[in-house]
PDB file of N, CA and C in Angstrom:
ATOM      1  N   MET A   1     -60.647  42.186  53.481  1.00  0.00           N
ATOM      2  CA  MET A   1     -60.949  41.854  54.788  1.00  0.00           C
ATOM      3  C   MET A   1     -61.400  40.496  54.944  1.00  0.00           C
ATOM      4  N   GLY A   2     -62.056  39.822  54.191  1.00  0.00           N
ATOM      5  CA  GLY A   2     -62.712  38.599  54.316  1.00  0.00           C
ATOM      6  C   GLY A   2     -61.463  37.551  54.001  1.00  0.00           C
ATOM      7  N   SER A   3     -60.746  37.800  52.925  1.00  0.00           N
ATOM      8  CA  SER A   3     -59.678  36.975  52.603  1.00  0.00           C
ATOM      9  C   SER A   3     -58.505  36.900  53.764  1.00  0.00           C
ATOM     10  N   ASP A   4     -58.350  38.112  54.412  1.00  0.00           N
ATOM     11  CA  ASP A   4     -57.460  38.055  55.534  1.00  0.00           C
ATOM     12  C   ASP A   4     -57.898  37.057  56.806  1.00  0.00           C
ATOM     13  N   LEU A   5     -59.230  37.212  56.854  1.00  0.00           N
ATOM     14  CA  LEU A   5     -59.822  36.363  57.956  1.00  0.00           C
ATOM     15  C   LEU A   5     -59.643  34.854  57.646  1.00  0.00           C
ATOM     16  N   ILE A   6     -59.866  34.584  56.462  1.00  0.00           N
ATOM     17  CA  ILE A   6     -59.668  33.227  56.050  1.00  0.00           C
ATOM     18  C   ILE A   6     -58.153  32.743  56.141  1.00  0.00           C
ATOM     19  N   PHE A   7     -57.327  33.714  55.692  1.00  0.00           N
ATOM     20  CA  PHE A   7     -55.818  33.204  55.793  1.00  0.00           C
ATOM     21  C   PHE A   7     -55.559  33.067  57.184  1.00  0.00           C
ATOM     22  N   LYS A   8     -55.913  33.959  58.089  1.00  0.00           N
ATOM     23  CA  LYS A   8     -55.702  33.714  59.641  1.00  0.00           C
ATOM     24  C   LYS A   8     -56.221  32.560  60.152  1.00  0.00           C
ATOM     25  N   LEU A   9     -57.434  32.161  59.731  1.00  0.00           N
ATOM     26  CA  LEU A   9     -58.011  30.988  60.359  1.00  0.00           C
ATOM     27  C   LEU A   9     -57.322  29.696  59.941  1.00  0.00           C
ATOM     28  N   VAL A  10     -56.857  29.730  58.630  1.00  0.00           N
ATOM     29  CA  VAL A  10     -56.100  28.562  58.109  1.00  0.00           C
ATOM     30  C   VAL A  10     -54.763  28.673  58.775  1.00  0.00           C
ATOM     31  N   ALA A  11     -54.036  29.570  59.031  1.00  0.00           N
ATOM     32  CA  ALA A  11     -52.826  29.681  59.521  1.00  0.00           C
ATOM     33  C   ALA A  11     -52.953  29.221  60.927  1.00  0.00           C
ATOM     34  N   ASP A  12     -53.922  29.535  61.696  1.00  0.00           N
ATOM     35  CA  ASP A  12     -54.009  29.269  63.191  1.00  0.00           C
ATOM     36  C   ASP A  12     -54.514  27.941  63.322  1.00  0.00           C
ATOM     37  N   HIS A  13     -55.411  27.459  62.480  1.00  0.00           N
ATOM     38  CA  HIS A  13     -55.984  26.039  62.794  1.00  0.00           C
ATOM     39  C   HIS A  13     -55.831  24.975  61.670  1.00  0.00           C
ATOM     40  N   GLY A  14     -55.226  25.388  60.587  1.00  0.00           N
ATOM     41  CA  GLY A  14     -54.866  24.391  59.574  1.00  0.00           C
ATOM     42  C   GLY A  14     -55.942  24.160  58.628  1.00  0.00           C
ATOM     43  N   PRO A  15     -55.707  23.034  57.828  1.00  0.00           N
ATOM     44  CA  PRO A  15     -56.736  22.955  56.799  1.00  0.00           C
ATOM     45  C   PRO A  15     -58.127  22.327  57.257  1.00  0.00           C
ATOM     46  N   TRP A  16     -58.227  22.106  58.409  1.00  0.00           N
ATOM     47  CA  TRP A  16     -59.610  21.567  58.937  1.00  0.00           C
ATOM     48  C   TRP A  16     -60.585  22.695  58.857  1.00  0.00           C
ATOM     49  N   VAL A  17     -60.104  24.078  58.996  1.00  0.00           N
ATOM     50  CA  VAL A  17     -61.084  25.055  58.901  1.00  0.00           C
ATOM     51  C   VAL A  17     -61.818  25.041  57.516  1.00  0.00           C
ATOM     52  N   LEU A  18     -61.102  24.968  56.445  1.00  0.00           N
ATOM     53  CA  LEU A  18     -61.424  24.883  55.134  1.00  0.00           C
ATOM     54  C   LEU A  18     -62.373  23.738  54.729  1.00  0.00           C
ATOM     55  N   LEU A  19     -61.954  22.569  55.456  1.00  0.00           N
ATOM     56  CA  LEU A  19     -62.756  21.445  55.278  1.00  0.00           C
ATOM     57  C   LEU A  19     -64.104  21.581  56.039  1.00  0.00           C
ATOM     58  N   VAL A  20     -64.156  22.164  57.116  1.00  0.00           N
ATOM     59  CA  VAL A  20     -65.522  22.465  57.875  1.00  0.00           C
ATOM     60  C   VAL A  20     -66.383  23.382  56.859  1.00  0.00           C
ATOM     61  N   PHE A  21     -65.788  24.480  56.479  1.00  0.00           N
ATOM     62  CA  PHE A  21     -66.592  25.462  55.708  1.00  0.00           C
ATOM     63  C   PHE A  21     -67.047  24.693  54.500  1.00  0.00           C
ATOM     64  N   PHE A  22     -66.229  24.053  53.739  1.00  0.00           N
ATOM     65  CA  PHE A  22     -66.514  23.283  52.653  1.00  0.00           C
ATOM     66  C   PHE A  22     -67.743  22.346  52.894  1.00  0.00           C
ATOM     67  N   LEU A  23     -67.721  21.645  54.068  1.00  0.00           N
ATOM     68  CA  LEU A  23     -68.752  20.602  54.323  1.00  0.00           C
ATOM     69  C   LEU A  23     -70.019  21.415  54.615  1.00  0.00           C
ATOM     70  N   LEU A  24     -70.019  22.469  55.457  1.00  0.00           N
ATOM     71  CA  LEU A  24     -71.133  23.372  55.678  1.00  0.00           C
ATOM     72  C   LEU A  24     -71.734  23.982  54.468  1.00  0.00           C
ATOM     73  N   TRP A  25     -70.972  24.417  53.512  1.00  0.00           N
ATOM     74  CA  TRP A  25     -71.357  24.910  52.256  1.00  0.00           C
ATOM     75  C   TRP A  25     -72.061  23.923  51.419  1.00  0.00           C
ATOM     76  N   ARG A  26     -71.638  22.514  51.251  1.00  0.00           N
ATOM     77  CA  ARG A  26     -72.155  21.556  50.544  1.00  0.00           C
ATOM     78  C   ARG A  26     -73.575  21.095  51.288  1.00  0.00           C
ATOM     79  N   ASP A  27     -73.502  21.107  52.459  1.00  0.00           N
ATOM     80  CA  ASP A  27     -74.863  20.759  53.288  1.00  0.00           C
ATOM     81  C   ASP A  27     -75.779  21.914  53.019  1.00  0.00           C
ATOM     82  N   PHE A  28     -75.405  23.044  52.839  1.00  0.00           N
ATOM     83  CA  PHE A  28     -76.377  24.089  52.563  1.00  0.00           C
ATOM     84  C   PHE A  28     -76.848  23.938  51.098  1.00  0.00           C
ATOM     85  N   GLN A  29     -76.128  23.664  50.112  1.00  0.00           N
ATOM     86  CA  GLN A  29     -76.360  23.568  48.836  1.00  0.00           C
ATOM     87  C   GLN A  29     -77.378  22.258  48.813  1.00  0.00           C
ATOM     88  N   LYS A  30     -77.177  21.174  49.360  1.00  0.00           N
ATOM     89  CA  LYS A  30     -78.003  20.143  49.326  1.00  0.00           C
ATOM     90  C   LYS A  30     -79.493  20.325  50.072  1.00  0.00           C
ATOM     91  N   ASP A  31     -79.398  21.078  51.013  1.00  0.00           N
ATOM     92  CA  ASP A  31     -80.567  21.676  51.540  1.00  0.00           C
ATOM     93  C   ASP A  31     -81.416  22.588  50.707  1.00  0.00           C
ATOM     94  N   GLN A  32     -80.790  23.274  50.025  1.00  0.00           N
ATOM     95  CA  GLN A  32     -81.640  24.208  49.059  1.00  0.00           C
ATOM     96  C   GLN A  32     -82.167  23.304  47.984  1.00  0.00           C
ATOM     97  N   ALA A  33     -81.310  22.430  47.384  1.00  0.00           N
ATOM     98  CA  ALA A  33     -81.814  21.537  46.293  1.00  0.00           C
ATOM     99  C   ALA A  33     -83.157  20.694  46.897  1.00  0.00           C
ATOM    100  N   THR A  34     -83.025  20.315  48.161  1.00  0.00           N
ATOM    101  CA  THR A  34     -84.099  19.499  48.631  1.00  0.00           C
ATOM    102  C   THR A  34     -85.385  20.366  48.801  1.00  0.00           C
ATOM    103  N   ARG A  35     -85.209  21.585  49.302  1.00  0.00           N
ATOM    104  CA  ARG A  35     -86.354  22.445  49.413  1.00  0.00           C
ATOM    105  C   ARG A  35     -87.046  22.853  47.998  1.00  0.00           C
ATOM    106  N   THR A  36     -86.215  22.902  47.081  1.00  0.00           N
ATOM    107  CA  THR A  36     -86.708  23.288  45.774  1.00  0.00           C
ATOM    108  C   THR A  36     -87.428  22.066  45.272  1.00  0.00           C
ATOM    109  N   VAL A  37     -87.048  20.869  45.398  1.00  0.00           N
ATOM    110  CA  VAL A  37     -87.891  19.661  44.914  1.00  0.00           C
ATOM    111  C   VAL A  37     -89.023  19.592  45.855  1.00  0.00           C
ATOM    112  N   LEU A  38     -89.007  19.781  47.072  1.00  0.00           N
ATOM    113  CA  LEU A  38     -90.381  19.679  47.851  1.00  0.00           C
ATOM    114  C   LEU A  38     -91.186  20.856  47.469  1.00  0.00           C
ATOM    115  N   ASP A  39     -90.869  21.930  47.127  1.00  0.00           N
ATOM    116  CA  ASP A  39     -91.723  23.027  46.826  1.00  0.00           C
ATOM    117  C   ASP A  39     -92.530  22.543  45.507  1.00  0.00           C
ATOM    118  N   LYS A  40     -91.698  21.987  44.486  1.00  0.00           N
ATOM    119  CA  LYS A  40     -92.262  21.585  43.326  1.00  0.00           C
ATOM    120  C   LYS A  40     -93.329  20.564  43.524  1.00  0.00           C
ATOM    121  N   ASN A  41     -92.986  19.648  44.458  1.00  0.00           N
ATOM    122  CA  ASN A  41     -93.835  18.638  44.741  1.00  0.00           C
ATOM    123  C   ASN A  41     -95.119  19.009  45.304  1.00  0.00           C
ATOM    124  N   ALA A  42     -95.069  19.947  46.197  1.00  0.00           N
ATOM    125  CA  ALA A  42     -96.240  20.682  46.868  1.00  0.00           C
ATOM    126  C   ALA A  42     -97.213  21.306  45.769  1.00  0.00           C
ATOM    127  N   VAL A  43     -96.577  21.911  44.833  1.00  0.00           N
ATOM    128  CA  VAL A  43     -97.328  22.582  43.742  1.00  0.00           C
ATOM    129  C   VAL A  43     -98.048  21.504  42.878  1.00  0.00           C
ATOM    130  N   VAL A  44     -97.261  20.341  42.615  1.00  0.00           N
ATOM    131  CA  VAL A  44     -97.913  19.356  41.821  1.00  0.00           C
ATOM    132  C   VAL A  44     -99.133  18.783  42.683  1.00  0.00           C
ATOM    133  N   LEU A  45     -98.897  18.368  43.810  1.00  0.00           N
ATOM    134  CA  LEU A  45     -99.960  17.712  44.538  1.00  0.00           C
ATOM    135  C   LEU A  45    -101.144  18.673  44.782  1.00  0.00           C
ATOM    136  N   THR A  46    -100.885  20.020  44.977  1.00  0.00           N
ATOM    137  CA  THR A  46    -102.009  20.999  44.986  1.00  0.00           C
ATOM    138  C   THR A  46    -102.912  20.873  43.790  1.00  0.00           C
ATOM    139  N   GLU A  47    -102.193  20.917  42.734  1.00  0.00           N
ATOM    140  CA  GLU A  47    -102.783  20.782  41.344  1.00  0.00           C
ATOM    141  C   GLU A  47    -103.568  19.642  41.088  1.00  0.00           C
ATOM    142  N   ILE A  48    -103.048  18.464  41.529  1.00  0.00           N
ATOM    143  CA  ILE A  48    -103.762  17.149  41.486  1.00  0.00           C
ATOM    144  C   ILE A  48    -105.136  17.322  42.279  1.00  0.00           C
ATOM    145  N   ALA A  49    -104.874  17.775  43.670  1.00  0.00           N
ATOM    146  CA  ALA A  49    -106.123  17.752  44.587  1.00  0.00           C
ATOM    147  C   ALA A  49    -107.157  18.665  43.972  1.00  0.00           C
ATOM    148  N   THR A  50    -106.774  19.819  43.365  1.00  0.00           N
ATOM    149  CA  THR A  50    -107.719  20.764  42.733  1.00  0.00           C
ATOM    150  C   THR A  50    -108.412  19.959  41.617  1.00  0.00           C
ATOM    151  N   VAL A  51    -107.629  19.371  40.607  1.00  0.00           N
ATOM    152  CA  VAL A  51    -108.399  18.647  39.614  1.00  0.00           C
ATOM    153  C   VAL A  51    -109.455  17.553  40.190  1.00  0.00           C
ATOM    154  N   ILE A  52    -108.967  16.864  41.201  1.00  0.00           N
ATOM    155  CA  ILE A  52    -109.883  15.963  41.640  1.00  0.00           C
ATOM    156  C   ILE A  52    -111.107  16.382  42.345  1.00  0.00           C
ATOM    157  N   ARG A  53    -110.933  17.541  43.028  1.00  0.00           N
ATOM    158  CA  ARG A  53    -112.093  18.239  43.676  1.00  0.00           C
ATOM    159  C   ARG A  53    -113.024  18.838  42.515  1.00  0.00           C
ATOM    160  N   GLU A  54    -112.484  19.273  41.519  1.00  0.00           N
ATOM    161  CA  GLU A  54    -113.267  19.732  40.375  1.00  0.00           C
ATOM    162  C   GLU A  54    -114.227  18.623  39.615  1.00  0.00           C
ATOM    163  N   ARG A  55    -113.618  17.390  39.649  1.00  0.00           N
ATOM    164  CA  ARG A  55    -114.289  16.296  38.856  1.00  0.00           C
ATOM    165  C   ARG A  55    -115.158  15.625  39.751  1.00  0.00           C
ATOM    166  N   MET A  56    -115.074  15.679  41.150  1.00  0.00           N
ATOM    167  CA  MET A  56    -115.971  14.888  42.102  1.00  0.00           C
ATOM    168  C   MET A  56    -117.385  15.608  41.828  1.00  0.00           C
ATOM    169  N   PRO A  57    -118.442  14.693  41.936  1.00  0.00           N
ATOM    170  CA  PRO A  57    -119.705  15.034  41.760  1.00  0.00           C
ATOM    171  C   PRO A  57    -120.126  15.883  43.195  1.00  0.00           C
ATOM    172  N   ARG A  58    -120.834  16.934  43.024  1.00  0.00           N
ATOM    173  CA  ARG A  58    -121.326  17.648  44.157  1.00  0.00           C
ATOM    174  C   ARG A  58    -122.688  16.995  44.640  1.00  0.00           C
ATOM    175  N   GLY A  59    -122.768  16.804  45.906  1.00  0.00           N
ATOM    176  CA  GLY A  59    -123.959  16.316  46.449  1.00  0.00           C
ATOM    177  C   GLY A  59    -124.695  17.089  47.261  1.00  0.00           C
TER     178      GLY A  59
END
């Protein structure tokens, strides 16, 4: 069913359909990679903040 839909879209609208889906897929991959890096950075910053808080003198 899925491949039939793709063939129908390509037959009706040409290779532009494939280009649009490819670009959307690449954008999604880049978004996932960016989110992964931001999540790792957030974890590192949280750890740094925790270490700083532990080492500060309490008044």
